[in-house]
């Protein structure tokens, strides 16, 4: 027996207020991967990097390395479907691998687009492969007030928040991908002054608003 094996044990929770789960326990089902759906309201399109990742999963598909996609039931065109909240690369890889018929998925309670977008954010907020822009778009779909305020501030300043980094050329005018910096400026200065600052920057600069310009 290996001496470094140890059991899972509770940690100290002094000062914490444990939350009772607001939804029911997830269930697992075996599904045909091509029966799954993607919602562009909060899911990103497959990029070139994502396509390479899918190809790697196909070539090295191994159940020992498999992570079940997280899904939720939804209504679409009068029928009940399963939307992928997290793990679409795995789902696409399974759908493309002729040796895979069905895959296990974890199904959580999130019956509205807002609830699904919030679940997507919860699954991806600390994941390195998910960009700030993607999380911002998901937050908008989740009706997050801070995300809506940022969009409104930028809109009134005549600045367009790009949806993906792929749309960022570095030469466009009145465009930005500096989400975190603008969020910080709104927090420090307030929406009204932040809008005025962005408007001045947009009128003065020929290029897009970058992070250093948004740190005022």
N, C-alpha and C. Protein backbone atom coordinates (compact mmCIF):
# COMPACT_ATOMS: atom_id res chain seq x y z
N UNK A 1 0.84 -1.20 0.00
CA UNK A 1 0.00 0.00 0.00
C UNK A 1 0.87 1.25 0.00
N UNK A 2 0.54 2.22 -0.85
CA UNK A 2 1.30 3.46 -0.91
C UNK A 2 1.02 4.30 0.33
N UNK A 3 2.09 4.76 1.00
CA UNK A 3 1.93 5.49 2.24
C UNK A 3 1.36 6.89 2.05
N UNK A 4 1.51 7.46 0.85
CA UNK A 4 1.05 8.83 0.64
C UNK A 4 -0.44 8.91 0.27
N UNK A 5 -1.11 7.77 0.20
CA UNK A 5 -2.55 7.78 -0.07
C UNK A 5 -3.28 8.26 1.18
N UNK A 6 -4.20 9.19 1.02
CA UNK A 6 -4.92 9.70 2.17
C UNK A 6 -6.38 9.90 1.81
N UNK A 7 -7.26 9.81 2.78
CA UNK A 7 -8.70 9.96 2.51
C UNK A 7 -9.10 11.43 2.40
N UNK A 8 -10.22 11.67 1.74
CA UNK A 8 -10.82 13.00 1.74
C UNK A 8 -11.39 13.27 3.12
N UNK A 9 -11.08 14.44 3.65
CA UNK A 9 -11.58 14.80 4.97
C UNK A 9 -12.03 16.26 4.95
N UNK A 10 -13.00 16.62 5.78
CA UNK A 10 -13.46 18.02 5.80
C UNK A 10 -12.34 18.96 6.22
N UNK A 11 -12.36 20.18 5.67
CA UNK A 11 -11.43 21.21 6.10
C UNK A 11 -12.13 22.10 7.12
N UNK A 12 -11.38 22.93 7.79
CA UNK A 12 -11.98 23.85 8.74
C UNK A 12 -12.79 24.92 8.01
N UNK A 13 -13.98 25.20 8.48
CA UNK A 13 -14.84 26.19 7.81
C UNK A 13 -15.22 27.32 8.74
N UNK A 14 -14.40 27.57 9.73
CA UNK A 14 -14.66 28.67 10.66
C UNK A 14 -14.73 29.99 9.90
N UNK A 15 -15.78 30.76 10.12
CA UNK A 15 -15.95 32.04 9.44
C UNK A 15 -16.67 31.95 8.12
N UNK A 16 -16.95 30.74 7.66
CA UNK A 16 -17.67 30.56 6.41
C UNK A 16 -19.14 30.29 6.68
N UNK A 17 -19.98 30.64 5.72
CA UNK A 17 -21.40 30.31 5.79
C UNK A 17 -21.70 29.37 4.62
N UNK A 18 -21.67 28.07 4.84
CA UNK A 18 -21.88 27.11 3.74
C UNK A 18 -23.25 27.32 3.08
N UNK A 19 -23.25 27.27 1.77
CA UNK A 19 -24.51 27.44 1.03
C UNK A 19 -25.16 26.11 0.76
N UNK A 20 -26.45 26.02 1.00
CA UNK A 20 -27.21 24.85 0.58
C UNK A 20 -27.41 24.95 -0.93
N UNK A 21 -27.19 23.86 -1.68
CA UNK A 21 -27.32 23.93 -3.14
C UNK A 21 -28.68 24.48 -3.56
N UNK A 22 -28.71 25.54 -4.40
CA UNK A 22 -29.99 26.12 -4.82
C UNK A 22 -30.72 25.28 -5.87
N UNK A 23 -30.02 24.33 -6.48
CA UNK A 23 -30.64 23.46 -7.48
C UNK A 23 -30.43 22.00 -7.07
N UNK A 24 -31.13 21.11 -7.77
CA UNK A 24 -31.01 19.69 -7.46
C UNK A 24 -29.68 19.12 -7.91
N UNK A 25 -29.36 17.94 -7.40
CA UNK A 25 -28.11 17.26 -7.76
C UNK A 25 -28.12 16.91 -9.25
N UNK A 26 -26.99 17.09 -9.94
CA UNK A 26 -26.93 16.73 -11.36
C UNK A 26 -27.20 15.25 -11.58
N UNK A 27 -27.62 14.92 -12.79
CA UNK A 27 -27.80 13.53 -13.17
C UNK A 27 -26.88 13.23 -14.35
N UNK A 28 -26.58 11.98 -14.55
CA UNK A 28 -25.75 11.56 -15.68
C UNK A 28 -26.60 10.75 -16.65
N UNK A 29 -26.41 11.02 -17.92
CA UNK A 29 -27.12 10.28 -18.97
C UNK A 29 -26.15 9.95 -20.09
N UNK A 30 -26.43 8.85 -20.79
CA UNK A 30 -25.70 8.52 -22.01
C UNK A 30 -26.46 9.11 -23.19
N UNK A 31 -25.80 9.92 -24.01
CA UNK A 31 -26.46 10.56 -25.15
C UNK A 31 -25.62 10.42 -26.40
N UNK A 32 -26.28 10.51 -27.54
CA UNK A 32 -25.57 10.59 -28.82
C UNK A 32 -25.06 12.03 -28.95
N UNK A 33 -23.76 12.23 -29.15
CA UNK A 33 -23.22 13.60 -29.15
C UNK A 33 -23.84 14.52 -30.18
N UNK A 34 -24.29 13.98 -31.31
CA UNK A 34 -24.91 14.83 -32.33
C UNK A 34 -26.32 15.27 -31.94
N UNK A 35 -26.81 14.78 -30.80
CA UNK A 35 -28.11 15.24 -30.30
C UNK A 35 -27.97 16.46 -29.40
N UNK A 36 -26.75 16.90 -29.16
CA UNK A 36 -26.49 18.05 -28.29
C UNK A 36 -26.49 19.34 -29.11
N UNK A 37 -26.75 20.46 -28.42
CA UNK A 37 -26.84 21.75 -29.08
C UNK A 37 -25.94 22.78 -28.39
N UNK A 38 -25.56 23.80 -29.16
CA UNK A 38 -24.76 24.92 -28.66
C UNK A 38 -25.59 26.19 -28.76
N UNK A 39 -25.58 27.00 -27.71
CA UNK A 39 -26.29 28.28 -27.72
C UNK A 39 -25.29 29.42 -27.88
N UNK A 40 -25.31 30.12 -29.02
CA UNK A 40 -24.34 31.20 -29.26
C UNK A 40 -24.53 32.40 -28.34
N UNK A 41 -25.62 32.43 -27.56
CA UNK A 41 -25.82 33.55 -26.63
C UNK A 41 -24.70 33.61 -25.60
N UNK A 42 -24.12 32.46 -25.26
CA UNK A 42 -23.04 32.45 -24.27
C UNK A 42 -21.88 31.55 -24.66
N UNK A 43 -22.04 30.73 -25.71
CA UNK A 43 -20.96 29.87 -26.14
C UNK A 43 -20.21 30.49 -27.30
N UNK A 44 -18.91 30.39 -27.26
CA UNK A 44 -18.08 30.91 -28.35
C UNK A 44 -18.11 29.98 -29.56
N UNK A 45 -17.86 30.55 -30.73
CA UNK A 45 -17.69 29.74 -31.92
C UNK A 45 -16.35 29.01 -31.83
N UNK A 46 -16.24 27.89 -32.53
CA UNK A 46 -14.99 27.14 -32.53
C UNK A 46 -13.95 27.91 -33.33
N UNK A 47 -12.87 28.29 -32.66
CA UNK A 47 -11.79 29.02 -33.31
C UNK A 47 -10.81 28.03 -33.94
N UNK A 48 -9.81 28.58 -34.61
CA UNK A 48 -8.77 27.72 -35.20
C UNK A 48 -8.05 26.94 -34.11
N UNK A 49 -7.78 27.61 -32.99
CA UNK A 49 -7.15 26.93 -31.86
C UNK A 49 -8.07 25.84 -31.31
N UNK A 50 -9.38 26.13 -31.24
CA UNK A 50 -10.34 25.14 -30.77
C UNK A 50 -10.42 23.94 -31.70
N UNK A 51 -10.33 24.20 -33.01
CA UNK A 51 -10.36 23.10 -33.98
C UNK A 51 -9.16 22.18 -33.79
N UNK A 52 -8.00 22.78 -33.50
CA UNK A 52 -6.80 21.97 -33.25
C UNK A 52 -6.98 21.13 -31.99
N UNK A 53 -7.61 21.73 -30.99
CA UNK A 53 -7.86 21.00 -29.75
C UNK A 53 -8.79 19.82 -30.00
N UNK A 54 -9.84 20.04 -30.79
CA UNK A 54 -10.77 18.95 -31.11
C UNK A 54 -10.06 17.83 -31.84
N UNK A 55 -9.19 18.17 -32.78
CA UNK A 55 -8.46 17.15 -33.53
C UNK A 55 -7.55 16.34 -32.59
N UNK A 56 -6.94 17.03 -31.62
CA UNK A 56 -6.09 16.32 -30.65
C UNK A 56 -6.92 15.35 -29.80
N UNK A 57 -8.12 15.79 -29.42
CA UNK A 57 -8.98 14.91 -28.61
C UNK A 57 -9.40 13.70 -29.43
N UNK A 58 -9.72 13.90 -30.72
CA UNK A 58 -10.12 12.79 -31.60
C UNK A 58 -8.98 11.78 -31.72
N UNK A 59 -7.78 12.27 -31.94
CA UNK A 59 -6.64 11.38 -32.15
C UNK A 59 -6.22 10.66 -30.87
N UNK A 60 -6.48 11.27 -29.72
CA UNK A 60 -6.06 10.65 -28.47
C UNK A 60 -7.21 10.31 -27.55
N UNK A 61 -8.39 10.06 -28.14
CA UNK A 61 -9.58 9.82 -27.31
C UNK A 61 -9.35 8.65 -26.36
N UNK A 62 -9.54 8.91 -25.08
CA UNK A 62 -9.30 7.90 -24.04
C UNK A 62 -10.30 8.15 -22.93
N UNK A 63 -11.10 7.12 -22.60
CA UNK A 63 -12.10 7.30 -21.55
C UNK A 63 -11.46 7.64 -20.21
N UNK A 64 -10.20 7.23 -20.01
CA UNK A 64 -9.52 7.55 -18.76
C UNK A 64 -9.22 9.05 -18.64
N UNK A 65 -9.21 9.75 -19.79
CA UNK A 65 -8.96 11.19 -19.79
C UNK A 65 -10.24 12.00 -20.04
N UNK A 66 -11.35 11.31 -20.13
CA UNK A 66 -12.61 11.93 -20.54
C UNK A 66 -13.22 12.77 -19.41
N UNK A 67 -13.68 13.96 -19.76
CA UNK A 67 -14.39 14.82 -18.82
C UNK A 67 -15.77 15.06 -19.38
N UNK A 68 -16.84 14.62 -18.71
CA UNK A 68 -18.19 14.73 -19.28
C UNK A 68 -18.60 16.19 -19.53
N UNK A 69 -19.15 16.48 -20.69
CA UNK A 69 -19.72 17.82 -20.91
C UNK A 69 -20.85 18.08 -19.92
N UNK A 70 -20.98 19.33 -19.54
CA UNK A 70 -22.06 19.73 -18.63
C UNK A 70 -23.18 20.32 -19.48
N UNK A 71 -24.38 19.80 -19.31
CA UNK A 71 -25.51 20.17 -20.16
C UNK A 71 -26.72 20.58 -19.32
N UNK A 72 -27.70 21.15 -20.01
CA UNK A 72 -28.97 21.51 -19.36
C UNK A 72 -30.09 21.32 -20.37
N UNK A 73 -31.25 20.87 -19.88
CA UNK A 73 -32.41 20.75 -20.76
C UNK A 73 -32.96 22.13 -21.10
N UNK A 74 -33.45 22.28 -22.32
CA UNK A 74 -34.05 23.54 -22.76
C UNK A 74 -35.11 23.22 -23.80
N UNK A 75 -35.98 24.19 -24.03
CA UNK A 75 -37.01 24.05 -25.06
C UNK A 75 -36.58 24.80 -26.30
N UNK A 76 -36.72 24.16 -27.47
CA UNK A 76 -36.34 24.79 -28.73
C UNK A 76 -37.24 24.26 -29.84
N UNK A 77 -37.93 25.18 -30.51
CA UNK A 77 -38.83 24.81 -31.61
C UNK A 77 -39.83 23.74 -31.18
N UNK A 78 -40.35 23.88 -29.95
CA UNK A 78 -41.38 22.99 -29.47
C UNK A 78 -40.90 21.63 -28.99
N UNK A 79 -39.60 21.45 -28.87
CA UNK A 79 -39.11 20.17 -28.36
C UNK A 79 -38.04 20.39 -27.30
N UNK A 80 -37.84 19.38 -26.48
CA UNK A 80 -36.84 19.45 -25.42
C UNK A 80 -35.49 18.99 -25.96
N UNK A 81 -34.48 19.81 -25.74
CA UNK A 81 -33.13 19.50 -26.21
C UNK A 81 -32.15 19.61 -25.05
N UNK A 82 -30.93 19.17 -25.30
CA UNK A 82 -29.85 19.34 -24.33
C UNK A 82 -28.84 20.33 -24.89
N UNK A 83 -28.63 21.42 -24.16
CA UNK A 83 -27.61 22.40 -24.53
C UNK A 83 -26.32 22.11 -23.76
N UNK A 84 -25.20 22.27 -24.44
CA UNK A 84 -23.90 22.10 -23.79
C UNK A 84 -23.51 23.42 -23.13
N UNK A 85 -23.36 23.41 -21.81
CA UNK A 85 -22.92 24.59 -21.09
C UNK A 85 -21.41 24.66 -21.01
N UNK A 86 -20.78 23.51 -20.93
CA UNK A 86 -19.33 23.45 -20.86
C UNK A 86 -18.87 22.11 -21.43
N UNK A 87 -17.79 22.15 -22.22
CA UNK A 87 -17.26 20.91 -22.79
C UNK A 87 -17.63 20.68 -24.23
N UNK A 88 -17.87 21.78 -24.97
CA UNK A 88 -18.29 21.59 -26.36
C UNK A 88 -17.18 20.98 -27.22
N UNK A 89 -15.91 21.23 -26.88
CA UNK A 89 -14.83 20.63 -27.67
C UNK A 89 -14.85 19.11 -27.53
N UNK A 90 -15.10 18.63 -26.32
CA UNK A 90 -15.21 17.19 -26.10
C UNK A 90 -16.39 16.62 -26.88
N UNK A 91 -17.52 17.34 -26.87
CA UNK A 91 -18.71 16.88 -27.58
C UNK A 91 -18.46 16.81 -29.09
N UNK A 92 -17.83 17.85 -29.65
CA UNK A 92 -17.52 17.84 -31.08
C UNK A 92 -16.56 16.71 -31.43
N UNK A 93 -15.57 16.49 -30.56
CA UNK A 93 -14.61 15.42 -30.82
C UNK A 93 -15.29 14.05 -30.80
N UNK A 94 -16.18 13.83 -29.84
CA UNK A 94 -16.90 12.56 -29.76
C UNK A 94 -17.79 12.36 -30.97
N UNK A 95 -18.45 13.45 -31.41
CA UNK A 95 -19.33 13.37 -32.58
C UNK A 95 -18.55 13.06 -33.85
N UNK A 96 -17.27 13.40 -33.86
CA UNK A 96 -16.44 13.22 -35.06
C UNK A 96 -15.66 11.91 -35.04
N UNK A 97 -15.66 11.23 -33.91
CA UNK A 97 -14.90 9.99 -33.79
C UNK A 97 -15.81 8.79 -34.11
N UNK A 98 -15.52 8.05 -35.16
CA UNK A 98 -16.41 6.94 -35.57
C UNK A 98 -16.46 5.80 -34.55
N UNK A 99 -15.53 5.78 -33.59
CA UNK A 99 -15.52 4.72 -32.58
C UNK A 99 -16.41 5.04 -31.39
N UNK A 100 -16.98 6.25 -31.37
CA UNK A 100 -17.78 6.68 -30.23
C UNK A 100 -19.24 6.77 -30.64
N UNK A 101 -20.09 6.02 -29.95
CA UNK A 101 -21.52 6.06 -30.23
C UNK A 101 -22.26 7.00 -29.30
N UNK A 102 -22.07 6.78 -28.00
CA UNK A 102 -22.71 7.61 -26.99
C UNK A 102 -21.67 8.08 -25.99
N UNK A 103 -21.97 9.20 -25.34
CA UNK A 103 -21.08 9.72 -24.32
C UNK A 103 -21.89 10.04 -23.06
N UNK A 104 -21.27 9.90 -21.88
CA UNK A 104 -21.96 10.33 -20.67
C UNK A 104 -21.87 11.85 -20.54
N UNK A 105 -22.97 12.48 -20.17
CA UNK A 105 -22.97 13.92 -19.91
C UNK A 105 -23.58 14.16 -18.53
N UNK A 106 -23.17 15.26 -17.91
CA UNK A 106 -23.76 15.65 -16.63
C UNK A 106 -24.81 16.71 -16.90
N UNK A 107 -26.02 16.50 -16.41
CA UNK A 107 -27.14 17.40 -16.67
C UNK A 107 -27.49 18.15 -15.38
N UNK A 108 -27.43 19.48 -15.47
CA UNK A 108 -27.73 20.32 -14.31
C UNK A 108 -29.03 21.07 -14.54
N UNK A 109 -29.57 21.65 -13.49
CA UNK A 109 -30.80 22.45 -13.58
C UNK A 109 -30.45 23.87 -14.00
N UNK A 110 -30.83 24.25 -15.21
CA UNK A 110 -30.65 25.61 -15.70
C UNK A 110 -31.57 25.75 -16.91
N UNK A 111 -32.84 26.07 -16.65
CA UNK A 111 -33.85 25.97 -17.70
C UNK A 111 -34.00 27.22 -18.56
N UNK A 112 -33.36 28.32 -18.18
CA UNK A 112 -33.45 29.54 -18.98
C UNK A 112 -32.07 29.90 -19.53
N UNK A 113 -32.05 30.71 -20.59
CA UNK A 113 -30.78 31.14 -21.16
C UNK A 113 -29.96 31.89 -20.12
N UNK A 114 -30.62 32.70 -19.29
CA UNK A 114 -29.91 33.45 -18.26
C UNK A 114 -29.26 32.49 -17.27
N UNK A 115 -30.01 31.49 -16.82
CA UNK A 115 -29.46 30.52 -15.87
C UNK A 115 -28.32 29.72 -16.51
N UNK A 116 -28.47 29.38 -17.78
CA UNK A 116 -27.43 28.63 -18.48
C UNK A 116 -26.17 29.47 -18.64
N UNK A 117 -26.34 30.76 -18.97
CA UNK A 117 -25.19 31.64 -19.12
C UNK A 117 -24.46 31.80 -17.79
N UNK A 118 -25.22 31.90 -16.70
CA UNK A 118 -24.60 31.99 -15.38
C UNK A 118 -23.83 30.71 -15.06
N UNK A 119 -24.38 29.58 -15.44
CA UNK A 119 -23.69 28.31 -15.23
C UNK A 119 -22.41 28.26 -16.04
N UNK A 120 -22.47 28.75 -17.28
CA UNK A 120 -21.28 28.80 -18.14
C UNK A 120 -20.20 29.63 -17.48
N UNK A 121 -20.58 30.81 -16.95
CA UNK A 121 -19.61 31.67 -16.28
C UNK A 121 -19.00 30.96 -15.08
N UNK A 122 -19.85 30.30 -14.30
CA UNK A 122 -19.36 29.58 -13.13
C UNK A 122 -18.38 28.48 -13.48
N UNK A 123 -18.59 27.82 -14.62
CA UNK A 123 -17.70 26.75 -15.04
C UNK A 123 -16.39 27.28 -15.59
N UNK A 124 -16.40 28.49 -16.14
CA UNK A 124 -15.25 28.97 -16.91
C UNK A 124 -14.54 30.18 -16.35
N UNK A 125 -14.99 30.73 -15.25
CA UNK A 125 -14.45 32.01 -14.80
C UNK A 125 -12.96 31.95 -14.46
N UNK A 126 -12.45 30.79 -14.07
CA UNK A 126 -11.04 30.68 -13.74
C UNK A 126 -10.28 29.84 -14.77
N UNK A 127 -10.91 29.56 -15.90
CA UNK A 127 -10.26 28.75 -16.92
C UNK A 127 -9.45 29.63 -17.85
N UNK A 128 -8.18 29.28 -18.07
CA UNK A 128 -7.30 30.13 -18.85
C UNK A 128 -7.70 30.22 -20.31
N UNK A 129 -8.34 29.16 -20.84
CA UNK A 129 -8.67 29.16 -22.26
C UNK A 129 -9.86 30.02 -22.61
N UNK A 130 -10.57 30.51 -21.61
CA UNK A 130 -11.75 31.32 -21.87
C UNK A 130 -11.38 32.78 -21.65
N UNK A 131 -11.59 33.61 -22.67
CA UNK A 131 -11.15 35.00 -22.59
C UNK A 131 -12.12 35.87 -21.82
N UNK A 132 -11.62 37.04 -21.42
CA UNK A 132 -12.45 38.01 -20.72
C UNK A 132 -13.62 38.44 -21.60
N UNK A 133 -13.39 38.56 -22.91
CA UNK A 133 -14.46 38.93 -23.83
C UNK A 133 -15.57 37.89 -23.84
N UNK A 134 -15.18 36.62 -23.84
CA UNK A 134 -16.17 35.54 -23.86
C UNK A 134 -16.99 35.54 -22.57
N UNK A 135 -16.32 35.76 -21.46
CA UNK A 135 -17.04 35.82 -20.19
C UNK A 135 -17.95 37.05 -20.14
N UNK A 136 -17.51 38.16 -20.76
CA UNK A 136 -18.33 39.36 -20.79
C UNK A 136 -19.60 39.12 -21.61
N UNK A 137 -19.46 38.46 -22.75
CA UNK A 137 -20.63 38.16 -23.58
C UNK A 137 -21.59 37.23 -22.84
N UNK A 138 -21.03 36.26 -22.11
CA UNK A 138 -21.87 35.36 -21.33
C UNK A 138 -22.57 36.12 -20.22
N UNK A 139 -21.86 37.08 -19.61
CA UNK A 139 -22.47 37.88 -18.54
C UNK A 139 -23.62 38.72 -19.08
N UNK A 140 -23.48 39.22 -20.30
CA UNK A 140 -24.59 39.96 -20.92
C UNK A 140 -25.79 39.04 -21.10
N UNK A 141 -25.54 37.84 -21.57
CA UNK A 141 -26.64 36.87 -21.75
C UNK A 141 -27.27 36.51 -20.42
N UNK A 142 -26.48 36.60 -19.35
CA UNK A 142 -26.99 36.29 -18.01
C UNK A 142 -27.63 37.49 -17.34
N UNK A 143 -27.76 38.60 -18.10
CA UNK A 143 -28.38 39.84 -17.59
C UNK A 143 -27.63 40.41 -16.39
N UNK A 144 -26.29 40.26 -16.43
CA UNK A 144 -25.47 40.81 -15.35
C UNK A 144 -25.45 42.34 -15.43
N UNK A 145 -25.75 43.01 -14.31
CA UNK A 145 -25.88 44.46 -14.30
C UNK A 145 -24.56 45.16 -14.63
N UNK A 146 -23.45 44.64 -14.11
CA UNK A 146 -22.15 45.27 -14.38
C UNK A 146 -21.81 45.19 -15.87
N UNK A 147 -22.08 44.03 -16.48
CA UNK A 147 -21.81 43.87 -17.91
C UNK A 147 -22.70 44.80 -18.73
N UNK A 148 -23.97 44.92 -18.33
CA UNK A 148 -24.88 45.82 -19.04
C UNK A 148 -24.45 47.27 -18.88
N UNK A 149 -23.97 47.65 -17.70
CA UNK A 149 -23.50 49.02 -17.47
C UNK A 149 -22.30 49.32 -18.36
N UNK A 150 -21.37 48.37 -18.45
CA UNK A 150 -20.19 48.57 -19.30
C UNK A 150 -20.59 48.78 -20.75
N UNK A 151 -21.51 47.96 -21.24
CA UNK A 151 -21.96 48.09 -22.63
C UNK A 151 -22.63 49.45 -22.85
N UNK A 152 -23.43 49.89 -21.88
CA UNK A 152 -24.13 51.16 -22.00
C UNK A 152 -23.15 52.32 -21.98
N UNK A 153 -22.17 52.28 -21.08
CA UNK A 153 -21.15 53.33 -21.00
C UNK A 153 -20.40 53.43 -22.33
N UNK A 154 -19.98 52.28 -22.85
CA UNK A 154 -19.23 52.28 -24.12
C UNK A 154 -20.11 52.76 -25.27
N UNK A 155 -21.34 52.30 -25.31
CA UNK A 155 -22.25 52.69 -26.38
C UNK A 155 -22.47 54.20 -26.40
N UNK A 156 -22.68 54.79 -25.22
CA UNK A 156 -22.92 56.22 -25.15
C UNK A 156 -21.67 57.03 -25.45
N UNK A 157 -20.51 56.40 -25.28
CA UNK A 157 -19.26 57.07 -25.63
C UNK A 157 -18.90 56.86 -27.10
N UNK A 158 -19.73 56.08 -27.81
CA UNK A 158 -19.45 55.81 -29.22
C UNK A 158 -18.36 54.78 -29.41
N UNK A 159 -18.18 53.90 -28.42
CA UNK A 159 -17.15 52.87 -28.47
C UNK A 159 -17.81 51.51 -28.56
N UNK A 160 -17.34 50.68 -29.48
CA UNK A 160 -17.90 49.34 -29.67
C UNK A 160 -17.03 48.31 -28.96
N UNK A 161 -17.67 47.51 -28.11
CA UNK A 161 -16.98 46.40 -27.47
C UNK A 161 -17.02 45.21 -28.42
N UNK A 162 -15.85 44.78 -28.86
CA UNK A 162 -15.80 43.66 -29.79
C UNK A 162 -16.18 42.36 -29.09
N UNK A 163 -16.81 41.47 -29.82
CA UNK A 163 -17.29 40.22 -29.23
C UNK A 163 -16.20 39.17 -29.12
N UNK A 164 -15.21 39.21 -30.02
CA UNK A 164 -14.13 38.24 -29.97
C UNK A 164 -12.82 38.92 -30.28
N UNK A 165 -11.73 38.32 -29.82
CA UNK A 165 -10.41 38.86 -30.14
C UNK A 165 -10.10 38.71 -31.62
N UNK A 166 -10.76 37.77 -32.29
CA UNK A 166 -10.54 37.58 -33.72
C UNK A 166 -10.96 38.81 -34.52
N UNK A 167 -11.91 39.59 -33.98
CA UNK A 167 -12.38 40.79 -34.67
C UNK A 167 -11.46 41.97 -34.43
N UNK A 168 -10.47 41.79 -33.56
CA UNK A 168 -9.58 42.89 -33.17
C UNK A 168 -8.41 42.94 -34.13
N UNK A 169 -8.34 43.98 -34.94
CA UNK A 169 -7.26 44.12 -35.91
C UNK A 169 -6.16 45.03 -35.43
N UNK A 170 -6.43 45.83 -34.40
CA UNK A 170 -5.43 46.77 -33.91
C UNK A 170 -5.42 48.07 -34.68
N UNK A 171 -6.29 48.20 -35.68
CA UNK A 171 -6.30 49.41 -36.50
C UNK A 171 -7.65 50.10 -36.53
N UNK A 172 -8.70 49.44 -36.07
CA UNK A 172 -10.04 50.02 -36.12
C UNK A 172 -10.21 51.18 -35.16
N UNK A 173 -11.11 52.07 -35.46
CA UNK A 173 -11.37 53.20 -34.58
C UNK A 173 -12.60 52.93 -33.74
N UNK A 174 -12.63 53.53 -32.55
CA UNK A 174 -13.76 53.41 -31.64
C UNK A 174 -14.11 51.96 -31.32
N UNK A 175 -13.09 51.16 -31.13
CA UNK A 175 -13.29 49.76 -30.76
C UNK A 175 -12.45 49.44 -29.54
N UNK A 176 -12.86 48.43 -28.77
CA UNK A 176 -12.07 48.04 -27.61
C UNK A 176 -12.28 46.57 -27.27
N UNK A 177 -11.23 45.98 -26.67
CA UNK A 177 -11.33 44.66 -26.05
C UNK A 177 -10.84 44.75 -24.61
N UNK A 178 -10.65 45.98 -24.12
CA UNK A 178 -10.08 46.20 -22.78
C UNK A 178 -11.16 46.13 -21.71
N UNK A 179 -11.79 44.97 -21.59
CA UNK A 179 -12.92 44.82 -20.67
C UNK A 179 -12.54 45.08 -19.21
N UNK A 180 -11.50 44.42 -18.74
CA UNK A 180 -11.12 44.55 -17.33
C UNK A 180 -10.75 45.99 -16.98
N UNK A 181 -10.06 46.67 -17.89
CA UNK A 181 -9.62 48.04 -17.61
C UNK A 181 -10.82 49.00 -17.57
N UNK A 182 -11.77 48.79 -18.48
CA UNK A 182 -12.95 49.65 -18.49
C UNK A 182 -13.81 49.37 -17.26
N UNK A 183 -13.91 48.10 -16.87
CA UNK A 183 -14.64 47.76 -15.65
C UNK A 183 -14.03 48.48 -14.45
N UNK A 184 -12.68 48.48 -14.39
CA UNK A 184 -12.00 49.13 -13.27
C UNK A 184 -12.22 50.64 -13.30
N UNK A 185 -12.23 51.22 -14.49
CA UNK A 185 -12.43 52.67 -14.61
C UNK A 185 -13.85 53.04 -14.18
N UNK A 186 -14.84 52.24 -14.55
CA UNK A 186 -16.22 52.50 -14.12
C UNK A 186 -16.32 52.40 -12.62
N UNK A 187 -15.63 51.41 -12.04
CA UNK A 187 -15.65 51.22 -10.59
C UNK A 187 -15.02 52.41 -9.87
N UNK A 188 -13.91 52.93 -10.43
CA UNK A 188 -13.20 54.05 -9.79
C UNK A 188 -13.89 55.38 -10.02
N UNK A 189 -14.33 55.62 -11.26
CA UNK A 189 -14.81 56.94 -11.65
C UNK A 189 -16.33 57.07 -11.67
N UNK A 190 -17.02 55.94 -11.75
CA UNK A 190 -18.47 55.99 -11.92
C UNK A 190 -18.82 55.98 -13.40
N UNK A 191 -20.03 55.53 -13.74
CA UNK A 191 -20.43 55.40 -15.15
C UNK A 191 -20.37 56.70 -15.94
N UNK A 192 -20.82 57.82 -15.35
CA UNK A 192 -20.89 59.09 -16.08
C UNK A 192 -19.50 59.59 -16.47
N UNK A 193 -18.58 59.64 -15.50
CA UNK A 193 -17.24 60.13 -15.79
C UNK A 193 -16.49 59.15 -16.69
N UNK A 194 -16.71 57.86 -16.48
CA UNK A 194 -16.08 56.86 -17.34
C UNK A 194 -16.51 57.05 -18.79
N UNK A 195 -17.79 57.32 -19.00
CA UNK A 195 -18.29 57.56 -20.35
C UNK A 195 -17.64 58.79 -20.96
N UNK A 196 -17.49 59.86 -20.17
CA UNK A 196 -16.86 61.09 -20.67
C UNK A 196 -15.40 60.85 -21.04
N UNK A 197 -14.69 60.08 -20.20
CA UNK A 197 -13.28 59.78 -20.49
C UNK A 197 -13.16 58.95 -21.76
N UNK A 198 -14.00 57.93 -21.90
CA UNK A 198 -13.97 57.09 -23.10
C UNK A 198 -14.29 57.91 -24.34
N UNK A 199 -15.22 58.84 -24.21
CA UNK A 199 -15.61 59.67 -25.35
C UNK A 199 -14.44 60.55 -25.79
N UNK A 200 -13.73 61.13 -24.82
CA UNK A 200 -12.56 61.95 -25.15
C UNK A 200 -11.49 61.10 -25.84
N UNK A 201 -11.23 59.91 -25.29
CA UNK A 201 -10.23 59.02 -25.88
C UNK A 201 -10.63 58.60 -27.29
N UNK A 202 -11.91 58.29 -27.47
CA UNK A 202 -12.38 57.86 -28.79
C UNK A 202 -12.25 58.99 -29.81
N UNK A 203 -12.52 60.23 -29.39
CA UNK A 203 -12.43 61.36 -30.30
C UNK A 203 -10.98 61.74 -30.60
N UNK A 204 -10.08 61.44 -29.65
CA UNK A 204 -8.69 61.87 -29.81
C UNK A 204 -7.82 60.84 -30.50
N UNK A 205 -8.17 59.56 -30.37
CA UNK A 205 -7.31 58.50 -30.89
C UNK A 205 -7.80 57.99 -32.24
N UNK A 206 -6.84 57.60 -33.06
CA UNK A 206 -7.20 57.02 -34.36
C UNK A 206 -7.36 55.50 -34.27
N UNK A 207 -6.72 54.91 -33.32
CA UNK A 207 -6.77 53.46 -33.19
C UNK A 207 -7.76 53.02 -32.14
N UNK A 208 -7.85 51.71 -31.90
CA UNK A 208 -8.78 51.18 -30.90
C UNK A 208 -8.33 51.53 -29.49
N UNK A 209 -9.27 51.48 -28.55
CA UNK A 209 -8.95 51.76 -27.17
C UNK A 209 -8.31 50.52 -26.56
N UNK A 210 -7.05 50.65 -26.14
CA UNK A 210 -6.31 49.53 -25.58
C UNK A 210 -6.26 49.66 -24.07
N UNK A 211 -5.70 48.64 -23.43
CA UNK A 211 -5.66 48.63 -21.96
C UNK A 211 -4.97 49.85 -21.37
N UNK A 212 -3.77 50.27 -21.82
CA UNK A 212 -3.11 51.42 -21.21
C UNK A 212 -3.96 52.69 -21.32
N UNK A 213 -4.68 52.88 -22.40
CA UNK A 213 -5.49 54.08 -22.58
C UNK A 213 -6.71 54.06 -21.66
N UNK A 214 -7.09 52.88 -21.20
CA UNK A 214 -8.31 52.74 -20.41
C UNK A 214 -8.04 52.73 -18.92
N UNK A 215 -6.80 53.02 -18.53
CA UNK A 215 -6.45 52.95 -17.11
C UNK A 215 -6.55 54.31 -16.43
N UNK A 216 -7.18 55.27 -17.07
CA UNK A 216 -7.28 56.59 -16.48
C UNK A 216 -8.23 56.59 -15.29
